[in-house]
Protein backbone atom coordinates (compact mmCIF):
# COMPACT_ATOMS: atom_id res chain seq x y z
CA MET A 1 330.33 136.95 -61.39
CA THR A 2 330.88 136.76 -65.15
CA THR A 3 328.44 134.52 -66.97
CA GLN A 4 329.73 131.57 -68.94
CA SER A 5 327.75 129.61 -71.47
CA THR A 6 328.14 125.85 -71.98
CA ALA A 7 327.23 124.38 -75.34
CA THR A 8 325.36 121.08 -75.41
CA THR A 9 325.43 118.93 -78.52
CA ALA A 10 322.03 117.65 -79.56
CA ARG A 11 321.93 113.97 -80.58
CA LYS A 12 320.43 113.39 -84.00
CA PRO A 13 317.61 110.84 -84.15
CA ASP A 14 318.47 107.52 -85.78
CA THR A 15 317.31 107.19 -89.38
CA PRO A 16 316.52 103.75 -90.88
CA LYS A 17 318.96 102.80 -93.62
CA ASN A 18 316.22 102.02 -96.15
CA ALA A 19 313.97 104.94 -95.24
CA LYS A 20 311.92 106.23 -98.16
CA PRO A 21 310.49 109.72 -98.56
CA LEU A 22 306.84 110.12 -97.66
CA SER A 23 304.31 110.29 -100.43
CA THR A 24 302.64 113.63 -101.00
CA ALA A 25 299.45 112.40 -99.34
CA ASN A 26 301.27 110.99 -96.32
CA ALA A 27 303.42 114.07 -95.98
CA ARG A 28 300.28 116.21 -95.95
CA ARG A 29 298.69 113.92 -93.35
CA VAL A 30 301.77 114.12 -91.10
CA ALA A 31 301.91 117.90 -91.46
CA GLN A 32 298.28 118.17 -90.37
CA THR A 33 298.72 115.97 -87.28
CA PRO A 34 298.56 118.17 -84.16
CA ALA A 35 301.66 118.14 -82.01
CA THR A 36 301.54 117.93 -78.24
CA PRO A 37 302.40 121.31 -76.70
CA GLY A 38 304.30 119.73 -73.83
CA ASP A 39 305.83 121.67 -70.99
CA PRO A 40 308.21 124.54 -71.93
CA GLY A 41 310.03 123.79 -68.66
CA ASN A 42 310.95 120.32 -69.93
CA PRO A 43 314.50 119.96 -71.30
CA GLY A 44 313.04 118.16 -74.32
CA TRP A 45 310.59 120.94 -75.20
CA ASP A 46 311.15 121.93 -78.83
CA ILE A 47 309.56 125.13 -80.12
CA ARG A 48 309.67 123.78 -83.68
CA LYS A 49 307.29 120.95 -82.73
CA GLN A 50 304.59 123.09 -81.13
CA PRO A 51 301.10 123.26 -82.68
CA LYS A 52 300.26 126.15 -84.95
CA ALA A 53 297.82 127.55 -82.40
CA LEU A 54 300.72 128.13 -80.00
CA LEU A 55 303.19 129.38 -82.56
CA GLY A 56 300.64 131.70 -84.13
CA ASP A 57 301.87 131.30 -87.68
CA ARG A 58 301.98 128.62 -90.37
CA THR A 59 305.41 129.60 -91.68
CA PRO A 60 308.39 127.57 -90.40
CA PRO A 61 310.89 129.53 -88.31
CA THR A 62 313.84 131.27 -89.89
CA VAL A 63 316.11 131.51 -86.85
CA ILE A 64 315.94 129.76 -83.49
CA ALA A 65 317.88 130.39 -80.27
CA THR A 66 317.62 130.42 -76.52
CA ILE A 67 317.22 133.81 -74.87
CA ALA A 68 319.83 133.34 -72.16
CA ARG A 69 319.14 136.81 -70.79
CA ARG A 70 316.93 139.69 -71.85
CA VAL A 71 316.75 142.90 -69.83
CA LEU A 72 314.12 145.36 -71.06
CA LEU A 73 314.58 148.98 -70.02
CA THR A 74 311.46 151.14 -70.44
CA TYR A 75 311.32 154.92 -70.84
CA ALA A 76 308.18 157.05 -70.57
CA LEU A 77 308.25 159.44 -73.54
CA ASP A 78 306.45 162.61 -74.49
CA PRO A 79 303.98 161.58 -77.23
CA ASP A 80 304.86 164.47 -79.55
CA ALA A 81 308.61 163.93 -79.25
CA ALA A 82 308.12 160.22 -79.83
CA ALA A 83 305.84 160.69 -82.84
CA ALA A 84 308.39 162.95 -84.53
CA LEU A 85 310.83 160.02 -84.78
CA LEU A 86 308.49 157.51 -86.41
CA PRO A 87 307.97 157.01 -90.14
CA PRO A 88 304.45 156.37 -91.46
CA PRO A 89 302.34 154.35 -90.92
CA PHE A 90 303.61 153.99 -87.34
CA ARG A 91 302.58 156.11 -84.38
CA PRO A 92 303.30 155.78 -80.64
CA ASP A 93 301.24 153.27 -78.68
CA LEU A 94 299.61 155.43 -75.99
CA SER A 95 297.50 152.68 -74.42
CA LEU A 96 299.27 153.10 -71.06
CA GLY A 97 299.39 156.91 -71.12
CA PRO A 98 302.81 158.07 -72.29
CA ALA A 99 304.64 156.79 -75.33
CA LEU A 100 307.03 153.99 -74.37
CA GLY A 101 310.60 153.69 -75.55
CA GLY A 102 312.92 150.87 -74.69
CA VAL A 103 316.37 149.35 -74.68
CA CYS A 104 316.59 145.58 -75.09
CA LEU A 105 319.84 144.09 -73.75
CA LEU A 106 319.93 140.57 -75.11
CA ARG A 107 322.18 137.56 -74.78
CA LEU A 108 321.33 134.75 -77.20
CA ARG A 109 322.66 131.22 -77.06
CA ALA A 110 322.75 128.65 -79.88
CA VAL A 111 321.59 131.12 -82.54
CA ARG A 112 321.15 129.29 -85.83
CA PRO A 113 318.88 128.74 -88.82
CA ALA A 114 316.10 126.40 -87.77
CA LEU A 115 317.27 123.47 -89.89
CA LEU A 116 320.81 123.43 -88.49
CA PRO A 117 321.80 121.38 -85.42
CA LEU A 118 322.46 122.89 -82.01
CA ARG A 119 326.23 122.63 -82.38
CA ALA A 120 326.08 125.03 -85.34
CA GLY A 121 324.74 127.86 -83.18
CA LEU A 122 326.62 130.86 -81.87
CA THR A 123 326.37 132.96 -78.72
CA MET A 124 326.00 136.70 -79.07
CA GLU A 125 325.23 139.91 -77.21
CA SER A 126 323.04 142.54 -78.81
CA VAL A 127 321.19 145.71 -77.93
CA ALA A 128 318.17 147.28 -79.63
CA HIS A 129 316.74 150.78 -79.18
CA ARG A 130 313.04 150.76 -79.92
CA MET A 131 309.57 152.23 -79.36
CA SER A 132 306.15 150.65 -78.80
CA VAL A 133 304.00 151.52 -81.80
CA GLU A 134 300.64 150.93 -83.42
CA TRP A 135 299.34 151.18 -86.97
CA ASP A 136 296.09 150.79 -88.86
CA THR A 137 295.08 147.58 -90.64
CA PRO A 138 291.85 146.64 -92.45
CA ASP A 139 290.90 144.71 -89.30
CA GLY A 140 291.68 147.44 -86.78
CA ILE A 141 294.69 148.75 -84.88
CA ALA A 142 297.75 146.50 -84.62
CA THR A 143 300.63 146.84 -82.16
CA GLY A 144 304.34 146.05 -82.13
CA VAL A 145 307.68 147.80 -81.81
CA TYR A 146 309.73 149.98 -84.13
CA VAL A 147 313.47 149.38 -83.82
CA PHE A 148 315.63 152.39 -84.60
CA ARG A 149 318.96 150.62 -84.26
CA ARG A 150 320.43 147.21 -83.45
CA ASP A 151 324.01 146.53 -82.37
CA ALA A 152 325.76 143.20 -81.82
CA ASP A 153 329.17 141.85 -80.88
CA SER A 154 329.04 139.14 -83.57
CA ALA A 155 330.62 140.04 -86.91
CA LEU A 156 328.61 137.31 -88.64
CA ALA A 157 325.30 138.49 -87.17
CA ALA A 158 326.12 142.08 -88.03
CA ARG A 159 326.95 141.21 -91.63
CA LEU A 160 323.97 138.92 -92.24
CA GLY A 161 321.43 140.91 -90.24
CA GLY A 162 322.50 144.44 -91.12
CA LEU A 163 323.38 145.23 -87.49
CA HIS A 164 326.00 147.65 -86.23
CA ARG A 165 329.07 146.29 -84.45
CA ALA A 166 329.55 147.04 -80.77
CA VAL A 167 331.75 146.07 -77.85
CA PHE A 168 329.94 144.73 -74.78
CA GLY A 169 330.88 144.54 -71.12
CA VAL A 170 328.78 142.03 -69.19
CA VAL A 171 328.97 140.99 -65.55
CA GLU A 172 325.94 139.22 -64.13
CA GLY A 173 325.06 136.68 -61.50
CA GLY A 174 323.23 136.30 -58.22
CA GLY A 175 320.36 138.42 -59.49
CA ARG A 176 322.60 141.40 -60.31
CA TYR A 177 323.34 142.89 -63.72
CA SER A 178 326.10 145.14 -64.98
CA LEU A 179 325.61 145.55 -68.73
CA ALA A 180 327.26 148.03 -71.08
CA ALA A 181 327.69 148.46 -74.83
CA GLN A 182 329.61 150.91 -77.01
CA SER A 183 329.22 150.91 -80.78
CA ARG A 184 332.33 150.90 -82.94
CA ASP A 185 331.05 153.86 -84.91
CA GLY A 186 330.69 155.89 -81.69
CA ALA A 187 327.01 156.61 -82.28
CA MET A 188 325.56 154.41 -79.52
CA SER A 189 326.32 153.74 -75.89
CA VAL A 190 324.25 152.20 -73.13
CA ALA A 191 324.98 151.16 -69.56
CA PHE A 192 322.82 149.56 -66.90
CA THR A 193 323.38 148.21 -63.41
CA GLY A 194 320.63 146.79 -61.26
CA GLU A 195 319.38 143.97 -59.09
CA GLN A 196 316.33 141.73 -59.24
CA ALA A 197 313.45 142.94 -57.07
CA ASP A 198 310.03 141.79 -55.89
CA ALA A 199 307.96 144.58 -57.46
CA MET A 200 307.95 147.29 -60.10
CA PRO A 201 309.09 150.73 -58.91
CA ALA A 202 306.55 153.18 -57.53
CA GLY A 203 305.06 155.36 -60.25
CA SER A 204 305.75 152.91 -63.09
CA VAL A 205 303.29 152.77 -65.97
CA PHE A 206 303.04 149.04 -65.23
CA THR A 207 300.99 147.91 -62.24
CA GLY A 208 303.24 144.89 -61.73
CA PRO A 209 305.47 142.36 -63.48
CA ASP A 210 302.44 140.56 -64.91
CA SER A 211 301.16 143.66 -66.71
CA ALA A 212 304.65 144.50 -67.95
CA SER A 213 305.17 140.95 -69.21
CA ALA A 214 301.79 140.87 -70.96
CA PHE A 215 302.51 144.18 -72.67
CA PHE A 216 305.89 143.04 -73.99
CA ARG A 217 304.68 139.59 -75.00
CA CYS A 218 302.27 141.39 -77.30
CA SER A 219 305.05 143.50 -78.80
CA SER A 220 306.22 140.43 -80.66
CA THR A 221 306.54 141.98 -84.13
CA ALA A 222 309.47 144.34 -84.60
CA TYR A 223 309.83 146.64 -87.61
CA SER A 224 313.04 148.38 -88.60
CA PRO A 225 314.33 150.34 -91.60
CA ALA A 226 315.25 148.09 -94.52
CA PRO A 227 319.02 147.91 -95.20
CA ASP A 228 318.52 149.48 -98.64
CA GLY A 229 316.46 152.32 -97.15
CA ALA A 230 313.32 151.27 -99.03
CA GLY A 231 310.49 150.45 -96.66
CA HIS A 232 310.77 148.26 -93.59
CA THR A 233 311.78 144.76 -92.62
CA ALA A 234 310.05 142.89 -89.83
CA LEU A 235 310.64 139.91 -87.58
CA ARG A 236 308.13 138.22 -85.34
CA MET A 237 309.44 136.60 -82.16
CA VAL A 238 307.56 133.53 -80.93
CA THR A 239 308.15 132.09 -77.45
CA PRO A 240 306.37 129.93 -74.90
CA PRO A 241 304.69 131.88 -72.09
CA TRP A 242 307.15 133.81 -69.93
CA ARG A 243 306.95 136.11 -66.91
CA GLY A 244 309.43 138.91 -66.40
CA ILE A 245 311.29 139.59 -63.16
CA PRO A 246 311.35 143.20 -61.92
CA VAL A 247 314.84 144.71 -61.77
CA ARG A 248 315.64 147.67 -59.55
CA ALA A 249 317.85 150.09 -61.48
CA ASP A 250 320.94 151.52 -59.79
CA HIS A 251 322.32 153.23 -62.90
CA VAL A 252 320.86 153.76 -66.38
CA GLN A 253 322.46 155.51 -69.35
CA SER A 254 321.34 155.54 -72.98
CA SER A 255 322.85 157.83 -75.59
CA PHE A 256 319.68 157.46 -77.66
CA PHE A 257 317.16 158.54 -75.03
CA GLU A 258 319.53 161.16 -73.61
CA ASP A 259 320.03 162.80 -77.01
CA ARG A 260 318.48 166.27 -76.55
CA SER A 261 318.04 166.70 -80.31
CA ARG A 262 315.57 163.81 -80.14
CA PHE A 263 314.21 164.25 -76.64
CA PRO A 264 314.35 167.71 -75.03
CA ARG A 265 314.90 167.65 -71.30
CA GLY A 266 312.01 166.01 -69.46
CA THR A 267 310.54 164.23 -72.51
CA ALA A 268 312.29 160.87 -71.91
CA VAL A 269 312.24 159.55 -68.34
CA PHE A 270 313.38 156.10 -67.25
CA ASP A 271 310.43 154.07 -65.96
CA SER A 272 311.38 150.48 -65.10
CA ALA A 273 313.24 147.31 -66.04
CA ILE A 274 312.33 143.64 -66.22
CA ALA A 275 314.41 140.56 -67.03
CA MET A 276 313.76 137.13 -68.50
CA HIS A 277 316.06 134.12 -68.71
CA ASP A 278 316.43 130.83 -70.59
CA VAL A 279 313.46 131.15 -72.92
CA PRO A 280 313.45 129.27 -76.26
CA ALA A 281 312.49 131.51 -79.15
CA ARG A 282 312.22 131.70 -82.90
CA TRP A 283 312.18 134.68 -85.24
CA LYS A 284 310.44 134.61 -88.61
CA PRO A 285 310.11 137.27 -91.28
CA VAL A 286 306.84 139.16 -91.62
CA ARG A 287 306.03 140.23 -95.16
CA ALA A 288 303.51 142.98 -94.47
CA LEU A 289 302.07 145.16 -91.73
CA GLU A 290 300.34 142.28 -89.98
CA PRO A 291 298.15 142.40 -86.87
CA GLY A 292 299.75 141.98 -83.46
CA CYS A 293 297.87 141.66 -80.17
CA ASP A 294 296.76 143.79 -77.26
CA PRO A 295 298.20 143.51 -73.73
CA GLY A 296 295.12 141.72 -72.41
CA SER A 297 295.45 138.70 -74.67
CA GLY A 298 298.42 137.18 -72.90
CA PRO A 299 301.05 135.06 -74.67
CA GLY A 300 300.85 134.23 -78.33
CA LEU A 301 299.32 136.22 -81.14
CA SER A 302 295.78 137.47 -81.61
CA PRO A 303 293.84 139.59 -84.10
CA ALA A 304 294.30 143.33 -84.19
CA ARG A 305 292.21 145.40 -81.84
């Protein structure tokens, strides 16, 4: 079954004809009034109206969207092979034993700048090849992910976000996934087929879907090479709490993790896959190497460990 997305137009709230702008004092008072978290399962739940304690940052969001589908493929990597691919100050996160690489197969719905209405959003497929990393901060060790490459089917997203263009083949439904992507420059290909399951596979680095979900919730800050080649850019993803669904893999192929110049035979082994659906999210820029959180802290953001 091929997925189809249906756009829903959000109704703008009525504005009084003679409305006047708030005074500076009143505006400050309104800004400091705590919002009610509400229930993320409610159709009216709005991530932009959540309290700062939930969002974990005082900066307003840059981009908002709904994660219609996100399948996370995890590879267990040899620490030395993984470390050789990372620029300073990043190093592999070895908290679960091996280094962990990943492929994120993402379908976003209603992607738009936060101040634009729902009808202005677009739907897009993207794929990111990444690695779980850590780095030193004055407050301790912080965690996140380093993204080597992002590809998308949207020309606008590719141009504005510095992504590569790719062609996607997607068939999903009834708990099954058949996802594939091929970049237009020929440098990236990925394919995955699988079906939702009740448990993680035997031998996985994750003890169950809860531990996998907690680990990835805390990989909320993603660094990638800056478009101009100078330094790094970073985005922090903020979502309500979510729990991944284990996915049994029938076929997995990744040109990145199967590249023997990067990973000699036996140094990159597929571990597991989990999926999440229909999760509201926002992405905001991070200006420095900021703290993340450790897998035990659950959803949200916490100080570095």
